[in-house]
Structures are given as C-alpha cells and as structure tokens.
PDB file of N, CA and C in Angstrom:
ATOM      1  N   MET A   1      -4.286 -12.884 -35.185  1.00  0.00           N
ATOM      2  CA  MET A   1      -4.095 -13.206 -33.784  1.00  0.00           C
ATOM      3  C   MET A   1      -4.353 -11.962 -32.942  1.00  0.00           C
ATOM      4  N   PRO A   2      -5.304 -12.019 -31.998  1.00  0.00           N
ATOM      5  CA  PRO A   2      -5.625 -10.826 -31.207  1.00  0.00           C
ATOM      6  C   PRO A   2      -4.486 -10.440 -30.276  1.00  0.00           C
ATOM      7  N   ASP A   3      -4.372  -9.135 -30.060  1.00  0.00           N
ATOM      8  CA  ASP A   3      -3.353  -8.652 -29.116  1.00  0.00           C
ATOM      9  C   ASP A   3      -3.743  -9.053 -27.710  1.00  0.00           C
ATOM     10  N   GLU A   4      -2.760  -9.516 -26.964  1.00  0.00           N
ATOM     11  CA  GLU A   4      -3.009  -9.853 -25.574  1.00  0.00           C
ATOM     12  C   GLU A   4      -2.816  -8.611 -24.723  1.00  0.00           C
ATOM     13  N   ALA A   5      -3.669  -8.471 -23.725  1.00  0.00           N
ATOM     14  CA  ALA A   5      -3.513  -7.347 -22.800  1.00  0.00           C
ATOM     15  C   ALA A   5      -2.243  -7.566 -21.992  1.00  0.00           C
ATOM     16  N   PRO A   6      -1.467  -6.490 -21.788  1.00  0.00           N
ATOM     17  CA  PRO A   6      -0.255  -6.659 -20.983  1.00  0.00           C
ATOM     18  C   PRO A   6      -0.606  -7.061 -19.567  1.00  0.00           C
ATOM     19  N   LYS A   7       0.240  -7.890 -18.975  1.00  0.00           N
ATOM     20  CA  LYS A   7       0.018  -8.301 -17.584  1.00  0.00           C
ATOM     21  C   LYS A   7       0.202  -7.090 -16.684  1.00  0.00           C
ATOM     22  N   GLN A   8      -0.752  -6.907 -15.799  1.00  0.00           N
ATOM     23  CA  GLN A   8      -0.660  -5.806 -14.866  1.00  0.00           C
ATOM     24  C   GLN A   8       0.196  -6.236 -13.688  1.00  0.00           C
ATOM     25  N   GLN A   9       1.149  -5.411 -13.336  1.00  0.00           N
ATOM     26  CA  GLN A   9       2.045  -5.722 -12.232  1.00  0.00           C
ATOM     27  C   GLN A   9       1.306  -5.538 -10.909  1.00  0.00           C
ATOM     28  N   THR A  10       1.471  -6.480  -9.999  1.00  0.00           N
ATOM     29  CA  THR A  10       0.859  -6.388  -8.682  1.00  0.00           C
ATOM     30  C   THR A  10       1.549  -5.279  -7.893  1.00  0.00           C
ATOM     31  N   SER A  11       0.750  -4.472  -7.218  1.00  0.00           N
ATOM     32  CA  SER A  11       1.329  -3.355  -6.463  1.00  0.00           C
ATOM     33  C   SER A  11       2.146  -3.878  -5.286  1.00  0.00           C
ATOM     34  N   PRO A  12       3.206  -3.154  -4.933  1.00  0.00           N
ATOM     35  CA  PRO A  12       4.009  -3.561  -3.775  1.00  0.00           C
ATOM     36  C   PRO A  12       3.182  -3.636  -2.495  1.00  0.00           C
ATOM     37  N   LEU A  13       2.234  -2.708  -2.327  1.00  0.00           N
ATOM     38  CA  LEU A  13       1.385  -2.734  -1.137  1.00  0.00           C
ATOM     39  C   LEU A  13       0.560  -4.008  -1.097  1.00  0.00           C
ATOM     40  N   LYS A  14      -0.003  -4.398  -2.227  1.00  0.00           N
ATOM     41  CA  LYS A  14      -0.811  -5.617  -2.284  1.00  0.00           C
ATOM     42  C   LYS A  14       0.041  -6.842  -1.957  1.00  0.00           C
ATOM     43  N   GLN A  15       1.256  -6.877  -2.489  1.00  0.00           N
ATOM     44  CA  GLN A  15       2.152  -8.002  -2.210  1.00  0.00           C
ATOM     45  C   GLN A  15       2.445  -8.101  -0.718  1.00  0.00           C
ATOM     46  N   LEU A  16       2.731  -6.957  -0.100  1.00  0.00           N
ATOM     47  CA  LEU A  16       3.028  -6.950   1.341  1.00  0.00           C
ATOM     48  C   LEU A  16       1.806  -7.361   2.154  1.00  0.00           C
ATOM     49  N   ARG A  17       0.648  -6.843   1.778  1.00  0.00           N
ATOM     50  CA  ARG A  17      -0.587  -7.164   2.488  1.00  0.00           C
ATOM     51  C   ARG A  17      -0.908  -8.651   2.390  1.00  0.00           C
ATOM     52  N   GLN A  18      -0.770  -9.197   1.203  1.00  0.00           N
ATOM     53  CA  GLN A  18      -1.062 -10.616   1.016  1.00  0.00           C
ATOM     54  C   GLN A  18      -0.045 -11.496   1.733  1.00  0.00           C
ATOM     55  N   ARG A  19       1.194 -11.035   1.800  1.00  0.00           N
ATOM     56  CA  ARG A  19       2.241 -11.805   2.476  1.00  0.00           C
ATOM     57  C   ARG A  19       1.910 -12.044   3.946  1.00  0.00           C
ATOM     58  N   VAL A  20       1.258 -11.054   4.576  1.00  0.00           N
ATOM     59  CA  VAL A  20       0.897 -11.209   5.991  1.00  0.00           C
ATOM     60  C   VAL A  20      -0.526 -11.732   6.167  1.00  0.00           C
ATOM     61  N   GLY A  21      -1.196 -12.015   5.064  1.00  0.00           N
ATOM     62  CA  GLY A  21      -2.507 -12.653   5.120  1.00  0.00           C
ATOM     63  C   GLY A  21      -3.672 -11.761   5.499  1.00  0.00           C
ATOM     64  N   LEU A  22      -3.583 -10.473   5.166  1.00  0.00           N
ATOM     65  CA  LEU A  22      -4.674  -9.550   5.480  1.00  0.00           C
ATOM     66  C   LEU A  22      -5.487  -9.226   4.232  1.00  0.00           C
ATOM     67  N   THR A  23      -6.780  -9.026   4.434  1.00  0.00           N
ATOM     68  CA  THR A  23      -7.617  -8.516   3.349  1.00  0.00           C
ATOM     69  C   THR A  23      -7.481  -6.998   3.321  1.00  0.00           C
ATOM     70  N   GLN A  24      -7.974  -6.389   2.265  1.00  0.00           N
ATOM     71  CA  GLN A  24      -7.964  -4.929   2.201  1.00  0.00           C
ATOM     72  C   GLN A  24      -8.751  -4.340   3.370  1.00  0.00           C
ATOM     73  N   ALA A  25      -9.901  -4.925   3.647  1.00  0.00           N
ATOM     74  CA  ALA A  25     -10.751  -4.422   4.734  1.00  0.00           C
ATOM     75  C   ALA A  25     -10.064  -4.557   6.095  1.00  0.00           C
ATOM     76  N   GLU A  26      -9.388  -5.680   6.321  1.00  0.00           N
ATOM     77  CA  GLU A  26      -8.694  -5.880   7.604  1.00  0.00           C
ATOM     78  C   GLU A  26      -7.578  -4.858   7.774  1.00  0.00           C
ATOM     79  N   LEU A  27      -6.774  -4.675   6.721  1.00  0.00           N
ATOM     80  CA  LEU A  27      -5.681  -3.709   6.804  1.00  0.00           C
ATOM     81  C   LEU A  27      -6.234  -2.307   7.033  1.00  0.00           C
ATOM     82  N   ALA A  28      -7.265  -1.957   6.294  1.00  0.00           N
ATOM     83  CA  ALA A  28      -7.867  -0.635   6.434  1.00  0.00           C
ATOM     84  C   ALA A  28      -8.334  -0.390   7.864  1.00  0.00           C
ATOM     85  N   ARG A  29      -9.054  -1.347   8.434  1.00  0.00           N
ATOM     86  CA  ARG A  29      -9.562  -1.200   9.797  1.00  0.00           C
ATOM     87  C   ARG A  29      -8.418  -1.037  10.786  1.00  0.00           C
ATOM     88  N   ARG A  30      -7.361  -1.804  10.600  1.00  0.00           N
ATOM     89  CA  ARG A  30      -6.238  -1.783  11.548  1.00  0.00           C
ATOM     90  C   ARG A  30      -5.430  -0.493  11.500  1.00  0.00           C
ATOM     91  N   ILE A  31      -5.427   0.189  10.345  1.00  0.00           N
ATOM     92  CA  ILE A  31      -4.651   1.436  10.258  1.00  0.00           C
ATOM     93  C   ILE A  31      -5.538   2.677  10.274  1.00  0.00           C
ATOM     94  N   GLY A  32      -6.865   2.474  10.340  1.00  0.00           N
ATOM     95  CA  GLY A  32      -7.771   3.611  10.486  1.00  0.00           C
ATOM     96  C   GLY A  32      -8.120   4.348   9.210  1.00  0.00           C
ATOM     97  N   VAL A  33      -8.220   3.618   8.092  1.00  0.00           N
ATOM     98  CA  VAL A  33      -8.656   4.214   6.825  1.00  0.00           C
ATOM     99  C   VAL A  33      -9.782   3.349   6.257  1.00  0.00           C
ATOM    100  N   SER A  34     -10.379   3.803   5.177  1.00  0.00           N
ATOM    101  CA  SER A  34     -11.443   3.016   4.552  1.00  0.00           C
ATOM    102  C   SER A  34     -10.839   1.921   3.667  1.00  0.00           C
ATOM    103  N   ASP A  35     -11.594   0.836   3.501  1.00  0.00           N
ATOM    104  CA  ASP A  35     -11.095  -0.208   2.601  1.00  0.00           C
ATOM    105  C   ASP A  35     -11.045   0.317   1.170  1.00  0.00           C
ATOM    106  N   ARG A  36     -11.882   1.291   0.861  1.00  0.00           N
ATOM    107  CA  ARG A  36     -11.839   1.920  -0.466  1.00  0.00           C
ATOM    108  C   ARG A  36     -10.481   2.605  -0.687  1.00  0.00           C
ATOM    109  N   ALA A  37      -9.956   3.230   0.360  1.00  0.00           N
ATOM    110  CA  ALA A  37      -8.650   3.889   0.243  1.00  0.00           C
ATOM    111  C   ALA A  37      -7.559   2.874  -0.041  1.00  0.00           C
ATOM    112  N   VAL A  38      -7.549   1.764   0.687  1.00  0.00           N
ATOM    113  CA  VAL A  38      -6.536   0.725   0.457  1.00  0.00           C
ATOM    114  C   VAL A  38      -6.648   0.197  -0.976  1.00  0.00           C
ATOM    115  N   ARG A  39      -7.870  -0.052  -1.420  1.00  0.00           N
ATOM    116  CA  ARG A  39      -8.096  -0.548  -2.780  1.00  0.00           C
ATOM    117  C   ARG A  39      -7.553   0.451  -3.813  1.00  0.00           C
ATOM    118  N   ALA A  40      -7.832   1.739  -3.598  1.00  0.00           N
ATOM    119  CA  ALA A  40      -7.367   2.773  -4.520  1.00  0.00           C
ATOM    120  C   ALA A  40      -5.842   2.876  -4.531  1.00  0.00           C
ATOM    121  N   TRP A  41      -5.214   2.751  -3.351  1.00  0.00           N
ATOM    122  CA  TRP A  41      -3.742   2.796  -3.300  1.00  0.00           C
ATOM    123  C   TRP A  41      -3.156   1.635  -4.083  1.00  0.00           C
ATOM    124  N   GLU A  42      -3.740   0.454  -3.905  1.00  0.00           N
ATOM    125  CA  GLU A  42      -3.215  -0.726  -4.598  1.00  0.00           C
ATOM    126  C   GLU A  42      -3.379  -0.616  -6.110  1.00  0.00           C
ATOM    127  N   LYS A  43      -4.399   0.070  -6.547  1.00  0.00           N
ATOM    128  CA  LYS A  43      -4.632   0.255  -7.984  1.00  0.00           C
ATOM    129  C   LYS A  43      -3.873   1.460  -8.528  1.00  0.00           C
ATOM    130  N   GLY A  44      -3.266   2.241  -7.649  1.00  0.00           N
ATOM    131  CA  GLY A  44      -2.532   3.419  -8.081  1.00  0.00           C
ATOM    132  C   GLY A  44      -3.439   4.571  -8.478  1.00  0.00           C
ATOM    133  N   GLU A  45      -4.675   4.575  -7.970  1.00  0.00           N
ATOM    134  CA  GLU A  45      -5.625   5.622  -8.327  1.00  0.00           C
ATOM    135  C   GLU A  45      -5.282   6.964  -7.700  1.00  0.00           C
ATOM    136  N   TYR A  46      -4.720   6.952  -6.514  1.00  0.00           N
ATOM    137  CA  TYR A  46      -4.212   8.171  -5.897  1.00  0.00           C
ATOM    138  C   TYR A  46      -3.205   7.793  -4.819  1.00  0.00           C
ATOM    139  N   PRO A  47      -2.290   8.710  -4.524  1.00  0.00           N
ATOM    140  CA  PRO A  47      -1.244   8.396  -3.536  1.00  0.00           C
ATOM    141  C   PRO A  47      -1.808   8.382  -2.121  1.00  0.00           C
ATOM    142  N   PRO A  48      -1.231   7.557  -1.274  1.00  0.00           N
ATOM    143  CA  PRO A  48      -1.677   7.491   0.108  1.00  0.00           C
ATOM    144  C   PRO A  48      -1.369   8.768   0.876  1.00  0.00           C
ATOM    145  N   THR A  49      -2.266   9.134   1.741  1.00  0.00           N
ATOM    146  CA  THR A  49      -2.025  10.237   2.675  1.00  0.00           C
ATOM    147  C   THR A  49      -2.331   9.693   4.061  1.00  0.00           C
ATOM    148  N   LEU A  50      -1.280   9.498   4.826  1.00  0.00           N
ATOM    149  CA  LEU A  50      -1.409   8.903   6.154  1.00  0.00           C
ATOM    150  C   LEU A  50      -0.763   9.805   7.187  1.00  0.00           C
ATOM    151  N   THR A  51      -1.310   9.765   8.386  1.00  0.00           N
ATOM    152  CA  THR A  51      -0.678  10.450   9.508  1.00  0.00           C
ATOM    153  C   THR A  51       0.511   9.594   9.959  1.00  0.00           C
ATOM    154  N   VAL A  52       1.367  10.160  10.781  1.00  0.00           N
ATOM    155  CA  VAL A  52       2.509   9.402  11.302  1.00  0.00           C
ATOM    156  C   VAL A  52       2.035   8.175  12.089  1.00  0.00           C
ATOM    157  N   PRO A  53       1.035   8.316  12.977  1.00  0.00           N
ATOM    158  CA  PRO A  53       0.563   7.117  13.679  1.00  0.00           C
ATOM    159  C   PRO A  53       0.009   6.049  12.715  1.00  0.00           C
ATOM    160  N   GLN A  54      -0.664   6.477  11.660  1.00  0.00           N
ATOM    161  CA  GLN A  54      -1.178   5.514  10.677  1.00  0.00           C
ATOM    162  C   GLN A  54      -0.028   4.818   9.943  1.00  0.00           C
ATOM    163  N   MET A  55       1.044   5.563   9.633  1.00  0.00           N
ATOM    164  CA  MET A  55       2.197   4.948   8.966  1.00  0.00           C
ATOM    165  C   MET A  55       2.863   3.934   9.891  1.00  0.00           C
ATOM    166  N   ARG A  56       2.939   4.260  11.166  1.00  0.00           N
ATOM    167  CA  ARG A  56       3.506   3.308  12.136  1.00  0.00           C
ATOM    168  C   ARG A  56       2.648   2.046  12.188  1.00  0.00           C
ATOM    169  N   SER A  57       1.334   2.241  12.216  1.00  0.00           N
ATOM    170  CA  SER A  57       0.424   1.089  12.229  1.00  0.00           C
ATOM    171  C   SER A  57       0.572   0.259  10.970  1.00  0.00           C
ATOM    172  N   LEU A  58       0.697   0.922   9.832  1.00  0.00           N
ATOM    173  CA  LEU A  58       0.868   0.214   8.564  1.00  0.00           C
ATOM    174  C   LEU A  58       2.131  -0.639   8.599  1.00  0.00           C
ATOM    175  N   CYS A  59       3.218  -0.063   9.057  1.00  0.00           N
ATOM    176  CA  CYS A  59       4.472  -0.820   9.149  1.00  0.00           C
ATOM    177  C   CYS A  59       4.318  -2.015  10.094  1.00  0.00           C
ATOM    178  N   ARG A  60       3.693  -1.792  11.229  1.00  0.00           N
ATOM    179  CA  ARG A  60       3.495  -2.874  12.193  1.00  0.00           C
ATOM    180  C   ARG A  60       2.642  -3.988  11.575  1.00  0.00           C
ATOM    181  N   GLU A  61       1.541  -3.629  10.938  1.00  0.00           N
ATOM    182  CA  GLU A  61       0.637  -4.627  10.358  1.00  0.00           C
ATOM    183  C   GLU A  61       1.267  -5.389   9.205  1.00  0.00           C
ATOM    184  N   LEU A  62       2.136  -4.729   8.447  1.00  0.00           N
ATOM    185  CA  LEU A  62       2.797  -5.382   7.313  1.00  0.00           C
ATOM    186  C   LEU A  62       4.116  -6.041   7.721  1.00  0.00           C
ATOM    187  N   ALA A  63       4.495  -5.886   8.994  1.00  0.00           N
ATOM    188  CA  ALA A  63       5.735  -6.461   9.522  1.00  0.00           C
ATOM    189  C   ALA A  63       6.956  -5.988   8.732  1.00  0.00           C
ATOM    190  N   ILE A  64       7.003  -4.657   8.527  1.00  0.00           N
ATOM    191  CA  ILE A  64       8.128  -4.049   7.808  1.00  0.00           C
ATOM    192  C   ILE A  64       8.589  -2.815   8.564  1.00  0.00           C
ATOM    193  N   THR A  65       9.739  -2.293   8.164  1.00  0.00           N
ATOM    194  CA  THR A  65      10.228  -1.035   8.718  1.00  0.00           C
ATOM    195  C   THR A  65       9.758   0.102   7.818  1.00  0.00           C
ATOM    196  N   PHE A  66       9.883   1.319   8.322  1.00  0.00           N
ATOM    197  CA  PHE A  66       9.511   2.484   7.529  1.00  0.00           C
ATOM    198  C   PHE A  66      10.281   2.503   6.209  1.00  0.00           C
ATOM    199  N   ASP A  67      11.563   2.147   6.257  1.00  0.00           N
ATOM    200  CA  ASP A  67      12.399   2.156   5.058  1.00  0.00           C
ATOM    201  C   ASP A  67      11.952   1.139   4.009  1.00  0.00           C
ATOM    202  N   GLU A  68      11.217   0.124   4.430  1.00  0.00           N
ATOM    203  CA  GLU A  68      10.749  -0.908   3.509  1.00  0.00           C
ATOM    204  C   GLU A  68       9.394  -0.585   2.876  1.00  0.00           C
ATOM    205  N   LEU A  69       8.784   0.519   3.290  1.00  0.00           N
ATOM    206  CA  LEU A  69       7.510   0.908   2.685  1.00  0.00           C
ATOM    207  C   LEU A  69       7.689   1.155   1.193  1.00  0.00           C
ATOM    208  N   PRO A  70       6.679   0.839   0.389  1.00  0.00           N
ATOM    209  CA  PRO A  70       6.750   1.177  -1.034  1.00  0.00           C
ATOM    210  C   PRO A  70       6.970   2.679  -1.203  1.00  0.00           C
ATOM    211  N   ASP A  71       7.624   3.063  -2.283  1.00  0.00           N
ATOM    212  CA  ASP A  71       7.996   4.463  -2.513  1.00  0.00           C
ATOM    213  C   ASP A  71       6.844   5.443  -2.350  1.00  0.00           C
ATOM    214  N   GLU A  72       5.639   5.062  -2.776  1.00  0.00           N
ATOM    215  CA  GLU A  72       4.525   5.998  -2.705  1.00  0.00           C
ATOM    216  C   GLU A  72       4.123   6.346  -1.278  1.00  0.00           C
ATOM    217  N   PHE A  73       4.639   5.623  -0.285  1.00  0.00           N
ATOM    218  CA  PHE A  73       4.330   5.901   1.117  1.00  0.00           C
ATOM    219  C   PHE A  73       5.412   6.711   1.801  1.00  0.00           C
ATOM    220  N   GLY A  74       6.558   6.818   1.195  1.00  0.00           N
ATOM    221  CA  GLY A  74       7.676   7.490   1.843  1.00  0.00           C
ATOM    222  C   GLY A  74       7.675   8.981   1.612  1.00  0.00           C
ATOM    223  N   PRO A  75       8.566   9.669   2.299  1.00  0.00           N
ATOM    224  CA  PRO A  75       8.679  11.111   2.105  1.00  0.00           C
ATOM    225  C   PRO A  75       9.277  11.410   0.742  1.00  0.00           C
ATOM    226  N   SER A  76       9.037  12.597   0.283  1.00  0.00           N
ATOM    227  CA  SER A  76       9.584  13.019  -1.001  1.00  0.00           C
ATOM    228  C   SER A  76      11.097  13.029  -0.933  1.00  0.00           C
ATOM    229  N   ASN A  77      11.732  12.556  -1.986  1.00  0.00           N
ATOM    230  CA  ASN A  77      13.198  12.551  -2.053  1.00  0.00           C
ATOM    231  C   ASN A  77      13.746  13.808  -2.696  1.00  0.00           C
ATOM    232  N   SER A  78      12.885  14.762  -3.012  1.00  0.00           N
ATOM    233  CA  SER A  78      13.317  15.956  -3.743  1.00  0.00           C
ATOM    234  C   SER A  78      14.275  16.827  -2.952  1.00  0.00           C
ATOM    235  N   SER A  79      14.260  16.748  -1.620  1.00  0.00           N
ATOM    236  CA  SER A  79      15.144  17.580  -0.818  1.00  0.00           C
ATOM    237  C   SER A  79      16.476  16.916  -0.515  1.00  0.00           C
ATOM    238  N   GLN A  80      16.663  15.685  -0.963  1.00  0.00           N
ATOM    239  CA  GLN A  80      17.909  14.978  -0.656  1.00  0.00           C
ATOM    240  C   GLN A  80      18.917  15.124  -1.749  1.00  0.00           C
TER     241      GLN A  80
END
C-alpha cells in the first residue's frame, strides 16, 4: 500500500483571504504588493514584510484587527 502524502494545512492568510472572497491578485493590489508576494506568504516561502500602512490595509481588506493577524504578520514577541 503506497504511503499517502500528508495533507497540507491551509495557511491562516489564505483562509482569511478566501473568507472575504478575494483572490491573491485582488488582495495584493489592494495592499500594494505583488500577487507573487501574497502567494509566497501563503506557501510559507518567506515571511511578510509590510509597512504600517500596508498592514492597516491588510487588516481592513481581511476585515480583522491587528491582533487577529496570523503570527507571521505580527511583531516579534521576543521582547515581551
């Protein structure tokens, strides 16, 4: 019996984006980044780097608060 590939967990960003009905390209355009960047964040290829205005836009577009952003978007907790 062949081994089954483990199910890949959907990224929190992708879940939030899909919940509000946006494509990667739409979200990217609305927050001022490339759709390639959004795709890479959702795949976990590299961490997001956003300006404060871009983070505000992201929260607005996803209909969430800053505190509800996935961990990879928040500030480092190392100083707390």
